[in-house]
Amino acid sequence: MRRTLVLVAAPVCVLVALATAWLFELSTAHVLVLAPVIVLCTAAAVGLLLLWARMAWESIRRPKSR
């Protein structure tokens, strides 16, 4: 499980950092320095979106009781 997670997460982290460099027109050196911050912020944003989606799904699925 951990090996698979690393094999999937590592390229995703690199792609997120490179996409940020392209989007904000940053140099590769700046992106390498900021990579941990970029990855953590992206993970936090994705986690928040998943939490909101789960809350919305649960509120839709839950039967209304009076």
C-alpha atoms as a PDB file:
ATOM      1  CA  MET A   1       0.000   0.000   0.000  1.00  0.00           C
ATOM      2  CA  ARG A   2       2.698   2.511   0.919  1.00  0.00           C
ATOM      3  CA  ARG A   3       4.740   1.711  -2.168  1.00  0.00           C
ATOM      4  CA  THR A   4       1.707   2.289  -4.376  1.00  0.00           C
ATOM      5  CA  LEU A   5       0.900   5.503  -2.540  1.00  0.00           C
ATOM      6  CA  VAL A   6       4.422   6.826  -3.061  1.00  0.00           C
ATOM      7  CA  LEU A   7       4.430   5.776  -6.712  1.00  0.00           C
ATOM      8  CA  VAL A   8       1.207   7.702  -7.287  1.00  0.00           C
ATOM      9  CA  ALA A   9       1.827  10.686  -5.002  1.00  0.00           C
ATOM     10  CA  ALA A  10       5.356  11.539  -6.119  1.00  0.00           C
ATOM     11  CA  PRO A  11       4.513  12.266  -9.773  1.00  0.00           C
ATOM     12  CA  VAL A  12       1.370  14.123  -8.710  1.00  0.00           C
ATOM     13  CA  CYS A  13       3.423  16.382  -6.427  1.00  0.00           C
ATOM     14  CA  VAL A  14       5.907  17.088  -9.210  1.00  0.00           C
ATOM     15  CA  LEU A  15       3.091  17.851 -11.649  1.00  0.00           C
ATOM     16  CA  VAL A  16       1.411  20.207  -9.172  1.00  0.00           C
ATOM     17  CA  ALA A  17       4.670  22.079  -8.619  1.00  0.00           C
ATOM     18  CA  LEU A  18       5.362  22.337 -12.357  1.00  0.00           C
ATOM     19  CA  ALA A  19       1.790  23.421 -13.071  1.00  0.00           C
ATOM     20  CA  THR A  20       2.150  26.153 -10.456  1.00  0.00           C
ATOM     21  CA  ALA A  21       5.406  27.277 -12.066  1.00  0.00           C
ATOM     22  CA  TRP A  22       3.725  27.442 -15.454  1.00  0.00           C
ATOM     23  CA  LEU A  23       0.584  29.146 -14.120  1.00  0.00           C
ATOM     24  CA  PHE A  24       2.425  31.873 -12.206  1.00  0.00           C
ATOM     25  CA  GLU A  25       5.424  32.038 -14.555  1.00  0.00           C
ATOM     26  CA  LEU A  26       7.929  31.227 -11.814  1.00  0.00           C
ATOM     27  CA  SER A  27      11.461  29.991 -12.332  1.00  0.00           C
ATOM     28  CA  THR A  28      12.294  26.383 -11.599  1.00  0.00           C
ATOM     29  CA  ALA A  29      14.544  27.436  -8.713  1.00  0.00           C
ATOM     30  CA  HIS A  30      11.687  29.266  -7.012  1.00  0.00           C
ATOM     31  CA  VAL A  31       9.385  26.306  -7.521  1.00  0.00           C
ATOM     32  CA  LEU A  32      11.911  23.899  -6.005  1.00  0.00           C
ATOM     33  CA  VAL A  33      12.154  26.088  -2.920  1.00  0.00           C
ATOM     34  CA  LEU A  34       8.386  26.528  -2.672  1.00  0.00           C
ATOM     35  CA  ALA A  35       7.479  22.920  -3.578  1.00  0.00           C
ATOM     36  CA  PRO A  36       6.664  21.799  -0.008  1.00  0.00           C
ATOM     37  CA  VAL A  37       4.405  24.812   0.514  1.00  0.00           C
ATOM     38  CA  ILE A  38       2.728  24.291  -2.859  1.00  0.00           C
ATOM     39  CA  VAL A  39       2.070  20.615  -2.154  1.00  0.00           C
ATOM     40  CA  LEU A  40       0.749  21.253   1.376  1.00  0.00           C
ATOM     41  CA  CYS A  41      -1.577  24.037   0.211  1.00  0.00           C
ATOM     42  CA  THR A  42      -2.866  21.886  -2.634  1.00  0.00           C
ATOM     43  CA  ALA A  43      -3.455  18.971  -0.252  1.00  0.00           C
ATOM     44  CA  ALA A  44      -5.304  21.248   2.177  1.00  0.00           C
ATOM     45  CA  ALA A  45      -7.516  22.630  -0.602  1.00  0.00           C
ATOM     46  CA  VAL A  46      -8.313  19.162  -1.958  1.00  0.00           C
ATOM     47  CA  GLY A  47      -9.032  17.894   1.554  1.00  0.00           C
ATOM     48  CA  LEU A  48     -11.400  20.778   2.196  1.00  0.00           C
ATOM     49  CA  LEU A  49     -13.218  20.168  -1.090  1.00  0.00           C
ATOM     50  CA  LEU A  50     -13.558  16.463  -0.290  1.00  0.00           C
ATOM     51  CA  LEU A  51     -14.908  17.281   3.169  1.00  0.00           C
ATOM     52  CA  TRP A  52     -17.487  19.668   1.728  1.00  0.00           C
ATOM     53  CA  ALA A  53     -18.484  17.114  -0.909  1.00  0.00           C
ATOM     54  CA  ARG A  54     -18.916  14.435   1.749  1.00  0.00           C
ATOM     55  CA  MET A  55     -20.993  16.754   3.921  1.00  0.00           C
ATOM     56  CA  ALA A  56     -23.189  17.689   0.958  1.00  0.00           C
ATOM     57  CA  TRP A  57     -23.608  14.036  -0.028  1.00  0.00           C
ATOM     58  CA  GLU A  58     -24.555  13.037   3.524  1.00  0.00           C
ATOM     59  CA  SER A  59     -27.070  15.870   3.818  1.00  0.00           C
ATOM     60  CA  ILE A  60     -28.678  14.878   0.515  1.00  0.00           C
ATOM     61  CA  ARG A  61     -28.743  11.177   1.432  1.00  0.00           C
ATOM     62  CA  ARG A  62     -30.096  11.635   4.936  1.00  0.00           C
ATOM     63  CA  PRO A  63     -33.878  11.333   5.083  1.00  0.00           C
ATOM     64  CA  LYS A  64     -35.712  14.368   6.374  1.00  0.00           C
ATOM     65  CA  SER A  65     -37.394  13.568   9.694  1.00  0.00           C
ATOM     66  CA  ARG A  66     -39.929  15.731  11.447  1.00  0.00           C
END
